[in-house]
C-alpha atoms as a PDB file:
ATOM      1  CA  MET A   1      72.869  39.842 176.550  1.00  0.00           C
ATOM      2  CA  LEU A   2      69.825  41.116 174.687  1.00  0.00           C
ATOM      3  CA  VAL A   3      70.559  43.844 172.129  1.00  0.00           C
ATOM      4  CA  ASP A   4      67.988  46.038 170.399  1.00  0.00           C
ATOM      5  CA  PHE A   5      69.259  47.117 166.967  1.00  0.00           C
ATOM      6  CA  TYR A   6      67.130  50.148 166.144  1.00  0.00           C
ATOM      7  CA  ALA A   7      66.816  53.230 163.943  1.00  0.00           C
ATOM      8  CA  PRO A   8      65.860  56.551 165.557  1.00  0.00           C
ATOM      9  CA  TRP A   9      63.276  57.302 162.831  1.00  0.00           C
ATOM     10  CA  CYS A  10      61.537  53.892 163.119  1.00  0.00           C
ATOM     11  CA  GLY A  11      57.979  54.095 164.470  1.00  0.00           C
ATOM     12  CA  HIS A  12      57.994  50.488 165.698  1.00  0.00           C
ATOM     13  CA  CYS A  13      61.288  51.130 167.517  1.00  0.00           C
ATOM     14  CA  LYS A  14      59.763  54.159 169.226  1.00  0.00           C
ATOM     15  CA  LYS A  15      56.772  52.064 170.260  1.00  0.00           C
ATOM     16  CA  LEU A  16      59.064  49.389 171.757  1.00  0.00           C
ATOM     17  CA  GLU A  17      61.196  51.923 173.665  1.00  0.00           C
ATOM     18  CA  PRO A  18      59.081  52.322 176.854  1.00  0.00           C
ATOM     19  CA  ALA A  19      58.810  48.565 177.462  1.00  0.00           C
ATOM     20  CA  TYR A  20      62.488  48.023 176.642  1.00  0.00           C
ATOM     21  CA  SER A  21      63.560  50.797 179.032  1.00  0.00           C
ATOM     22  CA  GLU A  22      61.319  49.393 181.764  1.00  0.00           C
ATOM     23  CA  ALA A  23      62.813  45.926 181.256  1.00  0.00           C
ATOM     24  CA  ALA A  24      66.337  47.381 181.422  1.00  0.00           C
ATOM     25  CA  ALA A  25      65.597  49.101 184.743  1.00  0.00           C
ATOM     26  CA  THR A  26      63.945  46.012 186.212  1.00  0.00           C
ATOM     27  CA  LEU A  27      66.783  43.692 185.189  1.00  0.00           C
ATOM     28  CA  ALA A  28      69.491  46.100 186.380  1.00  0.00           C
ATOM     29  CA  ALA A  29      67.842  46.290 189.823  1.00  0.00           C
ATOM     30  CA  LEU A  30      68.003  42.528 190.447  1.00  0.00           C
ATOM     31  CA  ASP A  31      70.250  41.181 193.210  1.00  0.00           C
ATOM     32  CA  GLU A  32      72.325  39.690 190.385  1.00  0.00           C
ATOM     33  CA  PRO A  33      71.816  42.340 187.701  1.00  0.00           C
ATOM     34  CA  LEU A  34      71.236  41.488 184.066  1.00  0.00           C
ATOM     35  CA  TYR A  35      71.862  44.046 181.361  1.00  0.00           C
ATOM     36  CA  ILE A  36      70.336  44.691 177.984  1.00  0.00           C
ATOM     37  CA  ALA A  37      71.627  47.090 175.360  1.00  0.00           C
ATOM     38  CA  LYS A  38      70.533  49.225 172.440  1.00  0.00           C
ATOM     39  CA  LEU A  39      72.514  49.966 169.297  1.00  0.00           C
ATOM     40  CA  ASP A  40      71.582  52.641 166.764  1.00  0.00           C
ATOM     41  CA  ALA A  41      72.140  50.632 163.590  1.00  0.00           C
ATOM     42  CA  THR A  42      72.123  53.799 161.463  1.00  0.00           C
ATOM     43  CA  GLU A  43      75.161  55.092 163.385  1.00  0.00           C
ATOM     44  CA  HIS A  44      76.913  51.737 163.821  1.00  0.00           C
ATOM     45  CA  LYS A  45      76.582  50.369 160.297  1.00  0.00           C
ATOM     46  CA  GLU A  46      79.559  48.013 160.572  1.00  0.00           C
ATOM     47  CA  ALA A  47      78.039  46.194 163.567  1.00  0.00           C
ATOM     48  CA  ALA A  48      74.603  46.165 161.899  1.00  0.00           C
ATOM     49  CA  GLY A  49      76.147  44.600 158.817  1.00  0.00           C
ATOM     50  CA  LYS A  50      78.068  42.024 160.819  1.00  0.00           C
ATOM     51  CA  PHE A  51      74.847  40.826 162.445  1.00  0.00           C
ATOM     52  CA  GLU A  52      72.826  41.083 159.210  1.00  0.00           C
ATOM     53  CA  ILE A  53      70.361  43.665 160.471  1.00  0.00           C
ATOM     54  CA  ARG A  54      67.814  44.152 157.683  1.00  0.00           C
ATOM     55  CA  GLY A  55      64.863  45.739 159.478  1.00  0.00           C
ATOM     56  CA  PHE A  56      63.946  47.577 162.625  1.00  0.00           C
ATOM     57  CA  PRO A  57      63.649  46.830 165.391  1.00  0.00           C
ATOM     58  CA  THR A  58      65.745  43.675 165.450  1.00  0.00           C
ATOM     59  CA  LEU A  59      66.376  42.036 168.809  1.00  0.00           C
ATOM     60  CA  LYS A  60      69.200  39.554 169.189  1.00  0.00           C
ATOM     61  CA  LEU A  61      69.999  37.553 172.262  1.00  0.00           C
ATOM     62  CA  PHE A  62      73.689  36.746 172.507  1.00  0.00           C
ATOM     63  CA  LYS A  63      74.361  33.560 174.421  1.00  0.00           C
ATOM     64  CA  ASN A  64      77.717  31.774 174.407  1.00  0.00           C
ATOM     65  CA  GLY A  65      78.755  33.799 171.373  1.00  0.00           C
ATOM     66  CA  VAL A  66      75.690  32.844 169.338  1.00  0.00           C
ATOM     67  CA  ALA A  67      73.122  35.432 168.289  1.00  0.00           C
ATOM     68  CA  ILE A  68      69.497  34.327 168.443  1.00  0.00           C
ATOM     69  CA  GLU A  69      67.162  36.642 166.584  1.00  0.00           C
ATOM     70  CA  TYR A  70      63.707  37.577 167.823  1.00  0.00           C
ATOM     71  CA  GLN A  71      60.972  38.788 165.526  1.00  0.00           C
ATOM     72  CA  VAL A  72      59.012  41.636 167.054  1.00  0.00           C
ATOM     73  CA  ARG A  73      55.332  41.435 166.195  1.00  0.00           C
ATOM     74  CA  ARG A  74      53.805  44.794 165.420  1.00  0.00           C
ATOM     75  CA  GLU A  75      51.650  44.457 168.555  1.00  0.00           C
ATOM     76  CA  GLY A  76      54.863  44.491 170.608  1.00  0.00           C
ATOM     77  CA  GLY A  77      55.118  40.780 171.422  1.00  0.00           C
ATOM     78  CA  LEU A  78      58.157  38.617 170.782  1.00  0.00           C
ATOM     79  CA  GLU A  79      58.611  35.466 168.761  1.00  0.00           C
ATOM     80  CA  GLY A  80      61.866  33.550 169.191  1.00  0.00           C
ATOM     81  CA  ARG A  81      63.723  32.225 166.185  1.00  0.00           C
ATOM     82  CA  LYS A  82      67.278  30.980 165.823  1.00  0.00           C
ATOM     83  CA  GLY A  83      69.411  32.070 162.926  1.00  0.00           C
ATOM     84  CA  GLY A  84      68.846  34.783 160.386  1.00  0.00           C
ATOM     85  CA  ARG A  85      65.806  36.087 158.597  1.00  0.00           C
ATOM     86  CA  GLY A  86      64.247  34.121 155.815  1.00  0.00           C
END
């Protein structure tokens, strides 16, 4: 499952929102639906801490219990990277 850890005040998060919502609708409409989620990291600080969220937006793909972080380029593209930041 892909999870968007975001902050409501974050300009880059707001810019990502339309594409993320469109992806959610498209994936949910598949014959075998796939789901993505969003988590307000400012409201769910314990979860944000557990997954070492340090900036916004942070996208993590959870597969077989392992979180794979994606760096969101400011232009809105994605770059895959395993592990944490740094």
